[in-house]
């Protein structure tokens, strides 16, 4: 089973006190529907997630801007590197290197399988 990354729910009410500029896609792990829990005090999202620690398999993997093979490549994640998985669906996982990014999509099969997340 994947181990949850060491992030915890913020204390008190989560809220914003003014306008917030949204970062460029592919930078912070933030979408309108989902955000990394570490961003809860800075950005508004419908849901926040405590990421699951995962590992890239035995091949370098491109981090894509969108969950499509023809999407722009942001960076290359080295084989064996640790990442934080935020959402996996449809054969793709939305991942990040930490709460400050970068964030993007990789094929789920790029991850080392574990008991609960066969890629």
Protein backbone atom coordinates (compact mmCIF):
# COMPACT_ATOMS: atom_id res chain seq x y z
CA UNK A 1 0.00 0.00 0.00
CA UNK A 2 1.20 3.52 -0.74
CA UNK A 3 2.19 5.59 2.24
CA UNK A 4 0.55 8.98 2.68
CA UNK A 5 2.94 11.89 2.38
CA UNK A 6 3.50 13.75 5.67
CA UNK A 7 0.91 16.50 5.24
CA UNK A 8 -1.96 17.16 7.59
CA UNK A 9 -5.22 19.06 7.58
CA UNK A 10 -4.84 22.69 8.59
CA UNK A 11 -6.25 23.78 11.96
CA UNK A 12 -9.32 25.97 12.04
CA UNK A 13 -11.36 27.27 9.14
CA UNK A 14 -9.70 27.28 5.74
CA UNK A 15 -10.46 30.49 3.91
CA UNK A 16 -9.01 33.21 1.78
CA UNK A 17 -9.00 36.89 2.68
CA UNK A 18 -8.70 38.41 -0.78
CA UNK A 19 -8.03 37.89 -4.44
CA UNK A 20 -5.48 35.22 -5.31
CA UNK A 21 -3.64 34.96 -8.61
CA UNK A 22 -3.77 31.41 -9.95
CA UNK A 23 -0.42 29.96 -10.95
CA UNK A 24 0.39 28.71 -14.44
CA UNK A 25 -0.70 25.10 -15.15
CA UNK A 26 2.10 22.64 -14.50
CA UNK A 27 3.58 24.63 -11.65
CA UNK A 28 1.82 24.16 -8.31
CA UNK A 29 -0.31 21.02 -7.72
CA UNK A 30 -3.56 22.93 -8.05
CA UNK A 31 -6.62 22.38 -10.23
CA UNK A 32 -10.07 23.91 -9.79
CA UNK A 33 -11.40 20.58 -8.52
CA UNK A 34 -8.42 19.35 -6.50
CA UNK A 35 -5.35 20.71 -4.75
CA UNK A 36 -2.46 19.46 -2.64
CA UNK A 37 -3.35 19.77 1.06
CA UNK A 38 -0.28 21.94 1.67
CA UNK A 39 -1.89 24.64 -0.51
CA UNK A 40 -5.16 24.80 1.49
CA UNK A 41 -4.25 28.06 3.24
CA UNK A 42 -3.21 29.74 -0.05
CA UNK A 43 -5.61 28.55 -2.76
CA UNK A 44 -9.28 27.63 -2.98
CA UNK A 45 -10.22 24.28 -4.49
CA UNK A 46 -13.29 22.06 -4.27
CA UNK A 47 -11.26 19.28 -2.61
CA UNK A 48 -7.83 18.94 -1.02
CA UNK A 49 -5.86 15.71 -1.02
CA UNK A 50 -3.08 14.28 1.09
CA UNK A 51 -0.86 12.78 -1.60
CA UNK A 52 0.31 9.19 -1.70
CA UNK A 53 4.04 8.58 -1.97
CA UNK A 54 4.88 6.61 -5.10
CA UNK A 55 8.00 5.78 -7.11
CA UNK A 56 8.73 6.11 -10.82
CA UNK A 57 9.56 2.71 -12.35
CA UNK A 58 12.73 1.69 -14.17
CA UNK A 59 12.46 4.21 -17.03
CA UNK A 60 12.65 8.01 -17.07
CA UNK A 61 9.12 9.39 -17.48
CA UNK A 62 8.02 12.68 -19.03
CA UNK A 63 5.73 14.82 -16.86
CA UNK A 64 2.99 16.04 -19.20
CA UNK A 65 0.85 19.18 -18.92
CA UNK A 66 -2.35 17.24 -19.76
CA UNK A 67 -3.28 13.54 -19.57
CA UNK A 68 -2.52 12.91 -23.25
CA UNK A 69 0.51 11.49 -25.02
CA UNK A 70 0.62 14.51 -27.37
CA UNK A 71 0.59 17.07 -24.53
CA UNK A 72 3.46 19.43 -23.77
CA UNK A 73 6.27 17.85 -21.75
CA UNK A 74 7.16 19.85 -18.62
CA UNK A 75 10.17 17.92 -17.27
CA UNK A 76 11.49 14.38 -17.19
CA UNK A 77 11.13 12.45 -13.94
CA UNK A 78 14.15 10.16 -13.44
CA UNK A 79 13.65 6.43 -12.99
CA UNK A 80 13.40 5.51 -9.31
CA UNK A 81 12.52 9.01 -8.18
CA UNK A 82 9.88 9.64 -5.52
CA UNK A 83 6.74 11.57 -6.45
CA UNK A 84 3.46 12.44 -4.76
CA UNK A 85 0.36 11.01 -6.47
CA UNK A 86 -2.73 13.19 -6.15
CA UNK A 87 -5.25 11.62 -8.52
CA UNK A 88 -5.20 8.53 -10.76
CA UNK A 89 -7.91 7.85 -13.34
CA UNK A 90 -8.19 6.65 -16.92
CA UNK A 91 -4.65 5.28 -17.06
CA UNK A 92 -3.06 8.59 -16.02
CA UNK A 93 -1.90 9.95 -12.65
CA UNK A 94 -1.74 13.60 -11.68
CA UNK A 95 1.48 13.87 -9.68
CA UNK A 96 3.89 16.40 -8.26
CA UNK A 97 7.39 16.58 -6.83
CA UNK A 98 6.00 18.34 -3.72
CA UNK A 99 3.62 21.17 -2.85
CA UNK A 100 5.69 23.70 -4.81
CA UNK A 101 5.62 21.55 -7.97
CA UNK A 102 6.08 20.93 -10.70
CA UNK A 103 2.84 19.06 -11.26
CA UNK A 104 1.49 17.20 -14.24
CA UNK A 105 0.41 13.85 -15.61
CA UNK A 106 2.22 10.57 -16.17
CA UNK A 107 0.91 7.24 -17.41
CA UNK A 108 -0.11 5.15 -14.41
CA UNK A 109 2.00 2.30 -15.79
CA UNK A 110 5.10 4.46 -15.20
CA UNK A 111 4.77 3.94 -11.45
CA UNK A 112 6.08 0.96 -9.53
CA UNK A 113 2.94 -1.02 -8.66
CA UNK A 114 2.01 -1.55 -5.05
CA UNK A 115 -0.64 -3.65 -3.33
CA UNK A 116 -3.45 -1.09 -3.68
CA UNK A 117 -2.45 0.67 -6.92
CA UNK A 118 -1.57 -1.80 -9.64
CA UNK A 119 -0.41 0.41 -12.49
